[in-house]
C-alpha atoms as a PDB file:
ATOM      1  CA  MET A   1       0.000   0.000   0.000  1.00  0.00           C
ATOM      2  CA  THR A   2       1.445   3.365  -1.047  1.00  0.00           C
ATOM      3  CA  CYS A   3       1.474   6.519   1.071  1.00  0.00           C
ATOM      4  CA  PRO A   4      -1.536   8.653   0.086  1.00  0.00           C
ATOM      5  CA  PHE A   5       0.183  12.013   0.698  1.00  0.00           C
ATOM      6  CA  PRO A   6       2.543  13.832  -1.701  1.00  0.00           C
ATOM      7  CA  GLY A   7       5.208  14.183   1.009  1.00  0.00           C
ATOM      8  CA  MET A   8       4.995  13.802   4.783  1.00  0.00           C
ATOM      9  CA  ASP A   9       1.889  12.008   6.061  1.00  0.00           C
ATOM     10  CA  PRO A  10       0.694  13.853   9.221  1.00  0.00           C
ATOM     11  CA  TRP A  11      -0.874  10.650  10.574  1.00  0.00           C
ATOM     12  CA  LEU A  12       2.673   9.263  10.931  1.00  0.00           C
ATOM     13  CA  GLU A  13       3.334  11.733  13.767  1.00  0.00           C
ATOM     14  CA  GLN A  14       1.214   9.878  16.332  1.00  0.00           C
ATOM     15  CA  SER A  15       3.339   8.403  19.100  1.00  0.00           C
ATOM     16  CA  GLY A  16       2.476   4.781  18.344  1.00  0.00           C
ATOM     17  CA  ILE A  17       3.907   5.105  14.829  1.00  0.00           C
ATOM     18  CA  TRP A  18       6.455   7.917  15.096  1.00  0.00           C
ATOM     19  CA  LYS A  19       8.987   5.921  17.132  1.00  0.00           C
ATOM     20  CA  ASN A  20       9.068   3.232  14.454  1.00  0.00           C
ATOM     21  CA  LEU A  21       9.263   5.786  11.646  1.00  0.00           C
ATOM     22  CA  HIS A  22      12.091   7.710  13.332  1.00  0.00           C
ATOM     23  CA  THR A  23      14.212   4.571  13.720  1.00  0.00           C
ATOM     24  CA  SER A  24      13.446   3.415  10.180  1.00  0.00           C
ATOM     25  CA  LEU A  25      14.243   6.810   8.649  1.00  0.00           C
ATOM     26  CA  ILE A  26      17.580   6.999  10.486  1.00  0.00           C
ATOM     27  CA  THR A  27      18.555   3.611   9.035  1.00  0.00           C
ATOM     28  CA  ALA A  28      17.205   4.352   5.555  1.00  0.00           C
ATOM     29  CA  LEU A  29      19.010   7.698   5.421  1.00  0.00           C
ATOM     30  CA  ARG A  30      22.241   6.050   6.604  1.00  0.00           C
ATOM     31  CA  ASP A  31      21.984   3.440   3.842  1.00  0.00           C
ATOM     32  CA  HIS A  32      21.090   6.029   1.196  1.00  0.00           C
ATOM     33  CA  LEU A  33      23.959   8.343   2.141  1.00  0.00           C
ATOM     34  CA  THR A  34      26.367   5.404   2.184  1.00  0.00           C
ATOM     35  CA  SER A  35      25.390   4.516  -1.393  1.00  0.00           C
ATOM     36  CA  LEU A  36      26.098   8.115  -2.419  1.00  0.00           C
ATOM     37  CA  LEU A  37      29.195   8.941  -0.377  1.00  0.00           C
ATOM     38  CA  ALA A  38      31.223   5.749   0.170  1.00  0.00           C
ATOM     39  CA  PRO A  39      34.158   5.224   0.127  1.00  0.00           C
ATOM     40  CA  ARG A  40      34.980   8.934   0.632  1.00  0.00           C
ATOM     41  CA  TYR A  41      32.818   9.107   3.747  1.00  0.00           C
ATOM     42  CA  TYR A  42      31.521   6.767   6.434  1.00  0.00           C
ATOM     43  CA  ILE A  43      28.039   7.292   7.892  1.00  0.00           C
ATOM     44  CA  ASP A  44      27.693   6.290  11.542  1.00  0.00           C
ATOM     45  CA  ILE A  45      24.582   5.943  13.710  1.00  0.00           C
ATOM     46  CA  GLN A  46      25.224   7.621  17.063  1.00  0.00           C
ATOM     47  CA  GLN A  47      23.058   8.076  20.139  1.00  0.00           C
ATOM     48  CA  ARG A  48      22.768  10.279  23.205  1.00  0.00           C
ATOM     49  CA  THR A  49      21.200   9.053  26.420  1.00  0.00           C
ATOM     50  CA  TYR A  50      19.818  10.920  29.393  1.00  0.00           C
ATOM     51  CA  ILE A  51      17.654  10.201  32.430  1.00  0.00           C
ATOM     52  CA  THR A  52      14.451  12.077  33.222  1.00  0.00           C
ATOM     53  CA  THR A  53      11.802  11.621  35.918  1.00  0.00           C
ATOM     54  CA  LEU A  54       8.872  12.714  33.753  1.00  0.00           C
ATOM     55  CA  PRO A  55       5.890  10.436  34.554  1.00  0.00           C
ATOM     56  CA  PRO A  56       5.453   7.801  31.826  1.00  0.00           C
ATOM     57  CA  GLU A  57       1.768   8.642  31.264  1.00  0.00           C
ATOM     58  CA  GLU A  58       2.820  12.188  30.326  1.00  0.00           C
ATOM     59  CA  PHE A  59       5.792  11.080  28.292  1.00  0.00           C
ATOM     60  CA  ILE A  60       5.722  11.500  24.512  1.00  0.00           C
ATOM     61  CA  GLU A  61       7.666   8.551  23.163  1.00  0.00           C
ATOM     62  CA  PRO A  62      11.159   9.308  21.873  1.00  0.00           C
ATOM     63  CA  ASP A  63      13.209   6.751  20.021  1.00  0.00           C
ATOM     64  CA  VAL A  64      13.510   4.378  22.994  1.00  0.00           C
ATOM     65  CA  TYR A  65      12.826   4.617  26.685  1.00  0.00           C
ATOM     66  CA  VAL A  66      13.168   2.318  29.688  1.00  0.00           C
ATOM     67  CA  ILE A  67      11.550   2.789  33.088  1.00  0.00           C
ATOM     68  CA  ARG A  68      13.853   2.015  36.001  1.00  0.00           C
ATOM     69  CA  GLU A  69      12.535   1.156  39.453  1.00  0.00           C
ATOM     70  CA  ASN A  70      14.321   0.658  42.746  1.00  0.00           C
ATOM     71  CA  SER A  71      14.273  -3.033  43.613  1.00  0.00           C
ATOM     72  CA  ALA A  72      15.075  -2.487  47.299  1.00  0.00           C
ATOM     73  CA  PRO A  73      12.578  -4.102  49.701  1.00  0.00           C
ATOM     74  CA  TYR A  74       9.715  -1.877  50.880  1.00  0.00           C
ATOM     75  CA  THR A  75       9.973  -0.425  54.375  1.00  0.00           C
ATOM     76  CA  ALA A  76       7.163   1.504  55.993  1.00  0.00           C
ATOM     77  CA  VAL A  77       7.803   5.250  56.033  1.00  0.00           C
ATOM     78  CA  SER A  78       6.874   5.362  59.711  1.00  0.00           C
ATOM     79  CA  GLU A  79       9.882   3.157  60.512  1.00  0.00           C
ATOM     80  CA  ILE A  80      12.559   5.276  58.821  1.00  0.00           C
ATOM     81  CA  ARG A  81      14.284   8.498  59.824  1.00  0.00           C
ATOM     82  CA  THR A  82      15.584  10.915  57.216  1.00  0.00           C
ATOM     83  CA  ASP A  83      19.121   9.635  57.902  1.00  0.00           C
ATOM     84  CA  GLY A  84      18.005   6.062  57.195  1.00  0.00           C
ATOM     85  CA  SER A  85      17.922   4.865  60.808  1.00  0.00           C
ATOM     86  CA  ALA A  86      14.858   3.340  62.473  1.00  0.00           C
ATOM     87  CA  ARG A  87      12.487   5.410  64.565  1.00  0.00           C
ATOM     88  CA  SER A  88      10.050   4.136  67.150  1.00  0.00           C
ATOM     89  CA  GLU A  89       7.186   6.604  66.999  1.00  0.00           C
ATOM     90  CA  LYS A  90       5.562   9.336  64.955  1.00  0.00           C
ATOM     91  CA  PRO A  91       6.899  12.842  65.753  1.00  0.00           C
ATOM     92  CA  SER A  92       4.404  14.927  67.659  1.00  0.00           C
ATOM     93  CA  GLY A  93       2.171  17.056  65.434  1.00  0.00           C
ATOM     94  CA  SER A  94       3.586  15.614  62.178  1.00  0.00           C
ATOM     95  CA  ALA A  95       1.580  14.081  59.351  1.00  0.00           C
ATOM     96  CA  MET A  96       2.794  10.679  58.204  1.00  0.00           C
ATOM     97  CA  PRO A  97       4.209  10.684  54.670  1.00  0.00           C
ATOM     98  CA  VAL A  98       3.297   8.026  52.125  1.00  0.00           C
ATOM     99  CA  TRP A  99       5.569   6.280  49.644  1.00  0.00           C
ATOM    100  CA  VAL A 100       5.522   7.612  46.083  1.00  0.00           C
ATOM    101  CA  THR A 101       7.583   6.685  43.024  1.00  0.00           C
ATOM    102  CA  LEU A 102       9.437   8.915  40.591  1.00  0.00           C
ATOM    103  CA  PRO A 103      10.339   6.415  37.854  1.00  0.00           C
ATOM    104  CA  GLU A 104      13.601   7.096  36.062  1.00  0.00           C
ATOM    105  CA  VAL A 105      13.072   7.189  32.327  1.00  0.00           C
ATOM    106  CA  GLU A 106      16.108   6.478  30.166  1.00  0.00           C
ATOM    107  CA  VAL A 107      15.803   8.240  26.837  1.00  0.00           C
ATOM    108  CA  VAL A 108      17.865   7.193  23.815  1.00  0.00           C
ATOM    109  CA  GLU A 109      17.898   9.514  20.795  1.00  0.00           C
ATOM    110  CA  ARG A 110      19.698   8.456  17.619  1.00  0.00           C
ATOM    111  CA  TYR A 111      21.296  10.658  14.994  1.00  0.00           C
ATOM    112  CA  LEU A 112      23.777  10.337  12.114  1.00  0.00           C
ATOM    113  CA  GLU A 113      27.361  11.471  11.671  1.00  0.00           C
ATOM    114  CA  VAL A 114      29.142  11.681   8.331  1.00  0.00           C
ATOM    115  CA  ARG A 115      32.847  11.034   8.942  1.00  0.00           C
ATOM    116  CA  LYS A 116      36.092  10.779   7.034  1.00  0.00           C
ATOM    117  CA  PRO A 117      36.963   7.055   7.297  1.00  0.00           C
ATOM    118  CA  LYS A 118      40.611   7.211   8.392  1.00  0.00           C
ATOM    119  CA  SER A 119      40.686  10.340  10.540  1.00  0.00           C
ATOM    120  CA  SER A 120      37.126   9.873  11.930  1.00  0.00           C
ATOM    121  CA  GLU A 121      36.670  13.623  11.455  1.00  0.00           C
ATOM    122  CA  VAL A 122      32.965  14.483  11.813  1.00  0.00           C
ATOM    123  CA  VAL A 123      32.006  16.464   8.723  1.00  0.00           C
ATOM    124  CA  THR A 124      28.205  16.627   9.014  1.00  0.00           C
ATOM    125  CA  VAL A 125      25.679  15.775  11.723  1.00  0.00           C
ATOM    126  CA  ILE A 126      22.117  14.813  10.705  1.00  0.00           C
ATOM    127  CA  GLU A 127      19.389  15.184  13.318  1.00  0.00           C
ATOM    128  CA  ILE A 128      15.795  14.013  12.874  1.00  0.00           C
ATOM    129  CA  LEU A 129      13.953  15.761  15.690  1.00  0.00           C
ATOM    130  CA  SER A 130      11.948  13.756  18.233  1.00  0.00           C
ATOM    131  CA  PRO A 131       8.952  15.024  20.253  1.00  0.00           C
ATOM    132  CA  THR A 132      11.195  15.341  23.325  1.00  0.00           C
ATOM    133  CA  ASN A 133      13.425  17.804  21.444  1.00  0.00           C
ATOM    134  CA  LYS A 134      10.482  20.129  20.789  1.00  0.00           C
ATOM    135  CA  ARG A 135       8.805  20.279  24.190  1.00  0.00           C
ATOM    136  CA  PRO A 136      10.138  21.874  27.406  1.00  0.00           C
ATOM    137  CA  GLY A 137      12.275  19.636  29.596  1.00  0.00           C
ATOM    138  CA  ASP A 138      15.470  17.613  29.662  1.00  0.00           C
ATOM    139  CA  GLY A 139      15.182  16.482  26.051  1.00  0.00           C
ATOM    140  CA  ARG A 140      15.083  19.994  24.658  1.00  0.00           C
ATOM    141  CA  ILE A 141      17.861  21.183  26.959  1.00  0.00           C
ATOM    142  CA  GLN A 142      20.075  18.269  25.911  1.00  0.00           C
ATOM    143  CA  TYR A 143      19.427  18.869  22.234  1.00  0.00           C
ATOM    144  CA  GLU A 144      19.839  22.649  22.359  1.00  0.00           C
ATOM    145  CA  THR A 145      23.204  22.171  24.088  1.00  0.00           C
ATOM    146  CA  LYS A 146      24.317  19.709  21.402  1.00  0.00           C
ATOM    147  CA  ARG A 147      23.010  21.989  18.644  1.00  0.00           C
ATOM    148  CA  LEU A 148      24.964  24.981  19.994  1.00  0.00           C
ATOM    149  CA  GLN A 149      28.158  22.907  20.173  1.00  0.00           C
ATOM    150  CA  ILE A 150      27.784  21.943  16.513  1.00  0.00           C
ATOM    151  CA  ILE A 151      26.995  25.503  15.405  1.00  0.00           C
ATOM    152  CA  GLN A 152      30.133  26.740  17.189  1.00  0.00           C
ATOM    153  CA  SER A 153      32.288  24.091  15.476  1.00  0.00           C
ATOM    154  CA  LEU A 154      33.497  23.404  11.927  1.00  0.00           C
ATOM    155  CA  THR A 155      30.868  20.665  11.501  1.00  0.00           C
ATOM    156  CA  HIS A 156      27.877  21.086   9.205  1.00  0.00           C
ATOM    157  CA  LEU A 157      24.380  20.464  10.620  1.00  0.00           C
ATOM    158  CA  VAL A 158      21.330  19.060   8.825  1.00  0.00           C
ATOM    159  CA  GLU A 159      18.245  19.311  11.050  1.00  0.00           C
ATOM    160  CA  ILE A 160      15.067  17.570   9.856  1.00  0.00           C
ATOM    161  CA  ASP A 161      11.820  18.502  11.606  1.00  0.00           C
ATOM    162  CA  LEU A 162       8.891  16.300  10.548  1.00  0.00           C
ATOM    163  CA  LEU A 163       6.769  17.083  13.611  1.00  0.00           C
ATOM    164  CA  ARG A 164       4.054  19.740  13.748  1.00  0.00           C
ATOM    165  CA  GLY A 165       3.794  19.603  17.538  1.00  0.00           C
ATOM    166  CA  GLY A 166       6.040  21.455  19.958  1.00  0.00           C
ATOM    167  CA  GLU A 167       8.172  24.552  19.615  1.00  0.00           C
ATOM    168  CA  PRO A 168      10.422  24.766  16.519  1.00  0.00           C
ATOM    169  CA  MET A 169      14.139  25.102  17.099  1.00  0.00           C
ATOM    170  CA  PHE A 170      15.336  28.706  17.211  1.00  0.00           C
ATOM    171  CA  PHE A 171      16.333  30.569  14.079  1.00  0.00           C
ATOM    172  CA  ALA A 172      15.936  34.190  13.039  1.00  0.00           C
ATOM    173  CA  GLY A 173      13.988  34.579   9.833  1.00  0.00           C
ATOM    174  CA  PRO A 174      10.672  35.517   8.223  1.00  0.00           C
ATOM    175  CA  GLU A 175       7.641  34.952  10.438  1.00  0.00           C
ATOM    176  CA  GLU A 176       5.992  32.636   7.906  1.00  0.00           C
ATOM    177  CA  SER A 177       8.950  30.236   8.101  1.00  0.00           C
ATOM    178  CA  HIS A 178       8.161  29.643  11.796  1.00  0.00           C
ATOM    179  CA  SER A 179       4.512  28.837  11.147  1.00  0.00           C
ATOM    180  CA  THR A 180       4.938  26.089   8.543  1.00  0.00           C
ATOM    181  CA  SER A 181       4.195  22.486   9.480  1.00  0.00           C
ATOM    182  CA  TYR A 182       7.655  21.080   8.769  1.00  0.00           C
ATOM    183  CA  ARG A 183      11.146  22.341   7.994  1.00  0.00           C
ATOM    184  CA  ILE A 184      14.662  21.251   7.052  1.00  0.00           C
ATOM    185  CA  LEU A 185      17.617  23.347   8.182  1.00  0.00           C
ATOM    186  CA  VAL A 186      21.021  23.090   6.494  1.00  0.00           C
ATOM    187  CA  SER A 187      23.688  24.942   8.486  1.00  0.00           C
ATOM    188  CA  ARG A 188      27.036  25.031   6.684  1.00  0.00           C
ATOM    189  CA  SER A 189      30.000  25.781   8.913  1.00  0.00           C
ATOM    190  CA  ASN A 190      31.647  28.059   6.340  1.00  0.00           C
ATOM    191  CA  ILE A 191      28.711  30.500   5.980  1.00  0.00           C
ATOM    192  CA  ARG A 192      27.381  30.690   9.552  1.00  0.00           C
ATOM    193  CA  PRO A 193      25.439  32.364  11.031  1.00  0.00           C
ATOM    194  CA  ARG A 194      23.453  32.196   7.792  1.00  0.00           C
ATOM    195  CA  ALA A 195      21.734  28.884   7.053  1.00  0.00           C
ATOM    196  CA  GLU A 196      19.430  27.390   4.426  1.00  0.00           C
ATOM    197  CA  LEU A 197      15.852  26.747   5.599  1.00  0.00           C
ATOM    198  CA  TYR A 198      13.346  24.642   3.647  1.00  0.00           C
ATOM    199  CA  PRO A 199       9.846  25.157   5.113  1.00  0.00           C
ATOM    200  CA  PHE A 200       7.006  22.960   3.807  1.00  0.00           C
ATOM    201  CA  GLY A 201       3.602  21.509   4.634  1.00  0.00           C
ATOM    202  CA  ILE A 202       1.473  18.430   4.060  1.00  0.00           C
ATOM    203  CA  ARG A 203       0.356  19.490   0.579  1.00  0.00           C
ATOM    204  CA  GLU A 204       3.743  19.168  -1.104  1.00  0.00           C
ATOM    205  CA  PRO A 205       6.659  16.743  -1.386  1.00  0.00           C
ATOM    206  CA  VAL A 206       9.503  17.126   1.095  1.00  0.00           C
ATOM    207  CA  PRO A 207      11.899  19.654  -0.471  1.00  0.00           C
ATOM    208  CA  THR A 208      15.156  18.370  -1.899  1.00  0.00           C
ATOM    209  CA  PHE A 209      18.364  19.877  -0.550  1.00  0.00           C
ATOM    210  CA  VAL A 210      22.075  19.756  -1.302  1.00  0.00           C
ATOM    211  CA  PHE A 211      23.962  17.802   1.330  1.00  0.00           C
ATOM    212  CA  PRO A 212      26.981  19.697   2.792  1.00  0.00           C
ATOM    213  CA  LEU A 213      30.410  18.065   2.643  1.00  0.00           C
ATOM    214  CA  LEU A 214      34.054  19.128   2.680  1.00  0.00           C
ATOM    215  CA  PRO A 215      35.192  21.777   0.164  1.00  0.00           C
ATOM    216  CA  GLY A 216      35.956  20.335  -3.267  1.00  0.00           C
ATOM    217  CA  ASP A 217      33.763  17.235  -2.887  1.00  0.00           C
ATOM    218  CA  ASP A 218      30.675  16.693  -5.013  1.00  0.00           C
ATOM    219  CA  GLU A 219      27.596  17.320  -2.850  1.00  0.00           C
ATOM    220  CA  PRO A 220      24.592  15.090  -3.613  1.00  0.00           C
ATOM    221  CA  THR A 221      20.978  16.235  -3.710  1.00  0.00           C
ATOM    222  CA  ILE A 222      18.890  14.459  -1.078  1.00  0.00           C
ATOM    223  CA  GLU A 223      15.253  13.513  -1.671  1.00  0.00           C
ATOM    224  CA  LEU A 224      13.458  12.426   1.485  1.00  0.00           C
ATOM    225  CA  THR A 225      10.018  11.825  -0.056  1.00  0.00           C
ATOM    226  CA  PRO A 226      11.004   8.539  -1.770  1.00  0.00           C
ATOM    227  CA  LEU A 227      12.631   7.330   1.462  1.00  0.00           C
ATOM    228  CA  LEU A 228       9.538   8.141   3.542  1.00  0.00           C
ATOM    229  CA  HIS A 229       7.170   6.518   1.062  1.00  0.00           C
ATOM    230  CA  SER A 230       9.352   3.429   0.760  1.00  0.00           C
ATOM    231  CA  ILE A 231       9.336   3.025   4.545  1.00  0.00           C
ATOM    232  CA  TYR A 232       5.541   3.475   4.551  1.00  0.00           C
ATOM    233  CA  GLU A 233       5.132   0.639   2.048  1.00  0.00           C
ATOM    234  CA  ARG A 234       7.661  -1.766   3.559  1.00  0.00           C
ATOM    235  CA  ALA A 235       6.429  -1.217   7.140  1.00  0.00           C
ATOM    236  CA  ARG A 236       2.767  -1.501   6.009  1.00  0.00           C
ATOM    237  CA  TYR A 237       1.709   1.501   8.053  1.00  0.00           C
ATOM    238  CA  ASP A 238      -1.590   1.359   6.171  1.00  0.00           C
ATOM    239  CA  LEU A 239      -2.559  -1.608   8.368  1.00  0.00           C
ATOM    240  CA  VAL A 240      -2.582   0.550  11.526  1.00  0.00           C
ATOM    241  CA  MET A 241      -3.520   3.932  10.035  1.00  0.00           C
ATOM    242  CA  ASP A 242      -7.020   5.283  10.644  1.00  0.00           C
ATOM    243  CA  TYR A 243      -7.579   8.163   8.260  1.00  0.00           C
ATOM    244  CA  LYS A 244     -11.187   8.550   9.456  1.00  0.00           C
ATOM    245  CA  THR A 245     -10.017  10.048  12.761  1.00  0.00           C
ATOM    246  CA  PRO A 246      -8.041  13.331  13.007  1.00  0.00           C
ATOM    247  CA  PRO A 247      -4.252  13.049  13.353  1.00  0.00           C
ATOM    248  CA  GLU A 248      -2.444  14.099  16.520  1.00  0.00           C
ATOM    249  CA  PRO A 249      -1.720  16.936  16.744  1.00  0.00           C
ATOM    250  CA  ARG A 250      -4.746  18.099  14.789  1.00  0.00           C
ATOM    251  CA  LEU A 251      -4.386  19.867  11.477  1.00  0.00           C
ATOM    252  CA  SER A 252      -5.391  23.468  10.923  1.00  0.00           C
ATOM    253  CA  LYS A 253      -8.896  23.940   9.573  1.00  0.00           C
ATOM    254  CA  GLU A 254      -7.585  24.653   6.083  1.00  0.00           C
ATOM    255  CA  ASP A 255      -5.191  21.680   6.036  1.00  0.00           C
ATOM    256  CA  ALA A 256      -7.864  19.383   7.498  1.00  0.00           C
ATOM    257  CA  MET A 257     -10.260  20.304   4.668  1.00  0.00           C
ATOM    258  CA  TRP A 258      -7.518  19.814   2.096  1.00  0.00           C
ATOM    259  CA  ALA A 259      -6.500  16.443   3.610  1.00  0.00           C
ATOM    260  CA  ALA A 260     -10.110  15.175   3.581  1.00  0.00           C
ATOM    261  CA  GLU A 261     -10.488  16.071  -0.092  1.00  0.00           C
ATOM    262  CA  TRP A 262      -7.072  14.670  -0.958  1.00  0.00           C
ATOM    263  CA  LEU A 263      -7.720  11.359   0.836  1.00  0.00           C
ATOM    264  CA  LYS A 264     -11.102  11.046  -0.849  1.00  0.00           C
ATOM    265  CA  ALA A 265      -9.516  11.611  -4.250  1.00  0.00           C
ATOM    266  CA  ASN A 266      -6.832   9.020  -3.413  1.00  0.00           C
ATOM    267  CA  GLU A 267      -9.191   6.613  -1.662  1.00  0.00           C
ATOM    268  CA  GLU A 268      -7.776   3.536  -3.359  1.00  0.00           C
ATOM    269  CA  LYS A 269      -4.445   4.183  -1.638  1.00  0.00           C
ATOM    270  CA  THR A 270      -6.009   4.044   1.843  1.00  0.00           C
ATOM    271  CA  ARG A 271      -7.948   0.803   1.454  1.00  0.00           C
END
């Protein structure tokens, strides 16, 4: 079953599907870049990990997460002092506390690095943003720190934002470029602070862009739409997609009307 949208399918952003798509797109982009750039460059899948105590029911799934719990035997709060020693009675006038749990959530976010094979010099970093990067909290702080380090270095940055939810990463530019559904940022180290921004929406294919490499090397043009649609077909996302219910987050009124008409016109693709 083929993807019914001309570019990014907004129904792919729901948490139950996005995690799978993010992992698949990282791998597909690694394989595609390898076919274009080897043996001059080596493309490596990297990851960053951090711990957060955000409650799981409020947690928007990143690439991977694991809930950690203390396996120590339970001891009644009334039997423990703050220094860990036993106490015999409740302090006068004090309310008794109850046990609560702050589960530790281990977040793993994957990204790509384009390296020179022998020197391992990192030439370009490719980030596909996760929901945790775009909402307040540890994930955004971690990513913004990493992003600043790259921007202050001699490494190029390609930042792919296929999520309508959350706050876009900072850049100074025309107001309309902040309000689009999706965007691709290409930050070349040799022309910073200027950068190339490709804003787009659900009604068009994902824009092509020239991939930044070292001076003198041929830079390929990257097309993400064929990669996304190939993943859609091979993963059979059509089996779990419900186009009769609104996507999350919801589309604007104008995009929702367009999507309904587009899906109706391409109904055979959604059966």
